[in-house]
């Protein structure tokens, strides 16, 4: 069975909107090293439409080791509006939660989920995420709040570890409590 790992950038005040505008000043060797380690066991990316479209535009224009990894990995995309994909991706068929549940039951490496929007809320509501990596950046920004619109009640998480970077980023690695 595959493991689903969600990796999310969030500000101190809980904003998840437009991380491309507020996160780059904090990217350093620690950031890239942690990202590379997170991707070591990844066999595919799991993305919602908005993240997929943003990543496809940004990463397909880049090269280098990390870009090659992102560009070459298969991608599974949850969308109610897309009818076709590019960038080595395929659309999840039918109900997104059920499609992810079936995908998770197949043999293979980790599925890394980037971005946090309605698709992430669906995965949380259906208890499909095995591990969260919340990257808390030392910045305040306007925007949508992490899980602000979710209707998931109370979900307790177990702290698996914390990593602090010189830049001020703190990554909390958590898993749902049984």
Protein backbone atom coordinates (compact mmCIF):
# COMPACT_ATOMS: atom_id res chain seq x y z
CA UNK A 1 0.00 0.00 0.00
CA UNK A 2 1.26 3.44 -0.89
CA UNK A 3 1.69 6.25 1.59
CA UNK A 4 0.24 9.72 0.88
CA UNK A 5 2.41 12.54 2.16
CA UNK A 6 1.09 16.09 2.07
CA UNK A 7 3.69 18.87 1.94
CA UNK A 8 2.28 22.34 2.58
CA UNK A 9 3.80 25.82 2.82
CA UNK A 10 2.04 28.03 5.37
CA UNK A 11 2.73 31.44 6.91
CA UNK A 12 2.76 32.15 10.64
CA UNK A 13 -0.79 33.49 10.37
CA UNK A 14 -1.99 30.39 8.50
CA UNK A 15 -2.05 31.72 4.93
CA UNK A 16 -1.54 29.22 2.12
CA UNK A 17 -2.23 31.59 -0.78
CA UNK A 18 0.43 32.37 -3.36
CA UNK A 19 3.49 30.83 -1.67
CA UNK A 20 5.46 31.70 -4.80
CA UNK A 21 5.24 35.33 -3.61
CA UNK A 22 6.37 34.93 0.01
CA UNK A 23 8.44 31.74 0.28
CA UNK A 24 11.43 32.25 -2.12
CA UNK A 25 13.47 34.49 0.23
CA UNK A 26 13.70 31.51 2.61
CA UNK A 27 14.79 28.88 0.09
CA UNK A 28 18.31 27.74 0.86
CA UNK A 29 20.37 24.55 1.02
CA UNK A 30 18.37 23.32 4.03
CA UNK A 31 15.11 23.83 2.12
CA UNK A 32 16.33 22.05 -1.00
CA UNK A 33 17.91 19.23 1.01
CA UNK A 34 14.70 18.56 2.92
CA UNK A 35 12.69 18.67 -0.31
CA UNK A 36 15.03 16.21 -1.99
CA UNK A 37 14.85 13.82 0.98
CA UNK A 38 11.04 14.06 0.98
CA UNK A 39 11.01 13.10 -2.70
CA UNK A 40 13.39 10.11 -2.34
CA UNK A 41 10.62 7.51 -2.08
CA UNK A 42 8.12 9.37 -4.26
CA UNK A 43 6.80 7.51 -7.24
CA UNK A 44 4.20 10.10 -8.26
CA UNK A 45 2.75 13.49 -7.40
CA UNK A 46 -0.86 13.95 -6.33
CA UNK A 47 -2.18 17.42 -7.18
CA UNK A 48 -5.34 19.46 -7.26
CA UNK A 49 -6.07 21.48 -10.40
CA UNK A 50 -4.76 24.85 -9.19
CA UNK A 51 -1.46 23.42 -7.95
CA UNK A 52 -1.12 21.26 -11.06
CA UNK A 53 -1.56 24.23 -13.39
CA UNK A 54 0.88 26.40 -11.41
CA UNK A 55 3.49 23.65 -11.11
CA UNK A 56 3.17 22.67 -14.79
CA UNK A 57 3.83 26.24 -15.85
CA UNK A 58 6.73 26.79 -13.45
CA UNK A 59 8.53 23.44 -13.40
CA UNK A 60 8.32 22.65 -17.12
CA UNK A 61 10.41 25.79 -17.74
CA UNK A 62 13.19 24.69 -15.37
CA UNK A 63 16.03 22.24 -15.55
CA UNK A 64 18.43 20.71 -13.07
CA UNK A 65 18.21 17.78 -10.71
CA UNK A 66 15.09 18.85 -8.76
CA UNK A 67 13.29 20.09 -11.89
CA UNK A 68 14.11 16.87 -13.74
CA UNK A 69 12.65 14.87 -10.85
CA UNK A 70 9.45 16.96 -10.80
CA UNK A 71 9.08 16.91 -14.58
CA UNK A 72 9.64 13.15 -14.91
CA UNK A 73 7.44 11.92 -12.07
CA UNK A 74 3.93 10.82 -13.05
CA UNK A 75 1.21 13.14 -11.77
CA UNK A 76 -2.35 12.36 -10.73
CA UNK A 77 -4.65 15.37 -10.88
CA UNK A 78 -8.00 15.88 -9.17
CA UNK A 79 -10.18 18.32 -11.09
CA UNK A 80 -13.84 18.93 -11.81
CA UNK A 81 -13.06 21.19 -14.77
CA UNK A 82 -9.99 19.92 -16.64
CA UNK A 83 -10.66 17.64 -19.58
CA UNK A 84 -7.06 16.89 -20.54
CA UNK A 85 -3.58 17.24 -19.13
CA UNK A 86 0.01 17.64 -20.21
CA UNK A 87 3.22 17.49 -18.15
CA UNK A 88 3.20 13.73 -17.65
CA UNK A 89 -0.16 13.80 -15.85
CA UNK A 90 -3.47 11.99 -15.85
CA UNK A 91 -6.81 13.00 -14.39
CA UNK A 92 -8.29 11.03 -11.51
CA UNK A 93 -11.53 9.49 -12.74
CA UNK A 94 -14.86 9.92 -10.94
CA UNK A 95 -15.01 10.71 -7.23
CA UNK A 96 -11.59 12.05 -6.17
CA UNK A 97 -11.58 10.40 -2.74
CA UNK A 98 -12.48 7.00 -4.17
CA UNK A 99 -9.91 7.35 -6.98
CA UNK A 100 -7.20 8.22 -4.44
CA UNK A 101 -8.24 5.33 -2.18
CA UNK A 102 -7.84 2.92 -5.14
CA UNK A 103 -4.52 4.49 -6.15
CA UNK A 104 -3.26 4.23 -2.59
CA UNK A 105 -4.07 0.50 -2.52
CA UNK A 106 -1.80 -0.21 -5.49
CA UNK A 107 1.83 -1.23 -5.14
CA UNK A 108 4.44 1.49 -5.49
CA UNK A 109 6.25 4.32 -3.82
CA UNK A 110 4.94 7.33 -1.95
CA UNK A 111 2.44 9.75 -3.43
CA UNK A 112 3.49 13.31 -2.61
CA UNK A 113 0.64 15.83 -2.39
CA UNK A 114 1.56 19.48 -2.83
CA UNK A 115 -0.73 22.46 -2.39
CA UNK A 116 -3.57 22.89 0.06
CA UNK A 117 -7.05 23.60 -1.18
CA UNK A 118 -10.34 21.81 -1.59
CA UNK A 119 -8.61 18.59 -2.71
CA UNK A 120 -6.56 18.53 0.51
CA UNK A 121 -9.73 19.03 2.51
CA UNK A 122 -11.33 16.09 0.69
CA UNK A 123 -8.32 13.89 1.51
CA UNK A 124 -8.46 14.97 5.16
CA UNK A 125 -12.21 14.39 5.40
CA UNK A 126 -11.75 10.84 4.04
CA UNK A 127 -8.69 10.17 6.21
CA UNK A 128 -6.47 9.36 3.23
CA UNK A 129 -3.33 11.28 4.21
CA UNK A 130 -0.72 9.27 6.10
CA UNK A 131 1.73 12.07 6.86
CA UNK A 132 1.75 15.86 6.81
CA UNK A 133 4.77 18.12 6.42
CA UNK A 134 3.68 21.65 7.34
CA UNK A 135 6.43 24.09 6.39
CA UNK A 136 5.82 27.13 8.63
CA UNK A 137 7.55 30.19 7.16
CA UNK A 138 8.51 33.20 9.30
CA UNK A 139 6.31 35.57 7.35
CA UNK A 140 2.80 37.02 7.60
CA UNK A 141 0.67 37.29 4.45
CA UNK A 142 -2.91 37.80 3.39
CA UNK A 143 -4.79 34.94 1.81
CA UNK A 144 -6.77 31.80 2.30
CA UNK A 145 -6.22 30.09 5.62
CA UNK A 146 -5.08 26.50 6.05
CA UNK A 147 -8.17 24.25 6.23
CA UNK A 148 -10.40 27.29 6.89
CA UNK A 149 -13.31 25.91 4.87
CA UNK A 150 -13.03 22.30 5.98
CA UNK A 151 -15.81 20.47 7.74
CA UNK A 152 -13.68 17.79 9.33
CA UNK A 153 -14.47 18.26 12.98
CA UNK A 154 -11.55 17.47 15.23
CA UNK A 155 -8.52 15.61 13.88
CA UNK A 156 -5.71 14.92 16.33
CA UNK A 157 -2.23 14.58 14.88
CA UNK A 158 0.87 12.96 16.32
CA UNK A 159 4.16 14.84 16.06
CA UNK A 160 6.69 12.63 14.25
CA UNK A 161 9.43 15.24 14.18
CA UNK A 162 10.36 18.88 13.76
CA UNK A 163 13.08 20.31 11.53
CA UNK A 164 14.27 23.89 11.92
CA UNK A 165 16.21 25.64 9.16
CA UNK A 166 18.63 28.56 9.59
CA UNK A 167 16.26 30.62 7.42
CA UNK A 168 13.56 30.36 10.10
CA UNK A 169 11.38 27.74 8.39
CA UNK A 170 10.12 25.08 10.80
CA UNK A 171 8.74 21.87 9.30
CA UNK A 172 6.34 19.93 11.49
CA UNK A 173 6.06 16.30 10.41
CA UNK A 174 2.77 14.87 11.69
CA UNK A 175 0.57 11.83 11.22
CA UNK A 176 -3.08 11.23 12.05
CA UNK A 177 -3.49 9.62 15.47
CA UNK A 178 -5.05 6.19 15.30
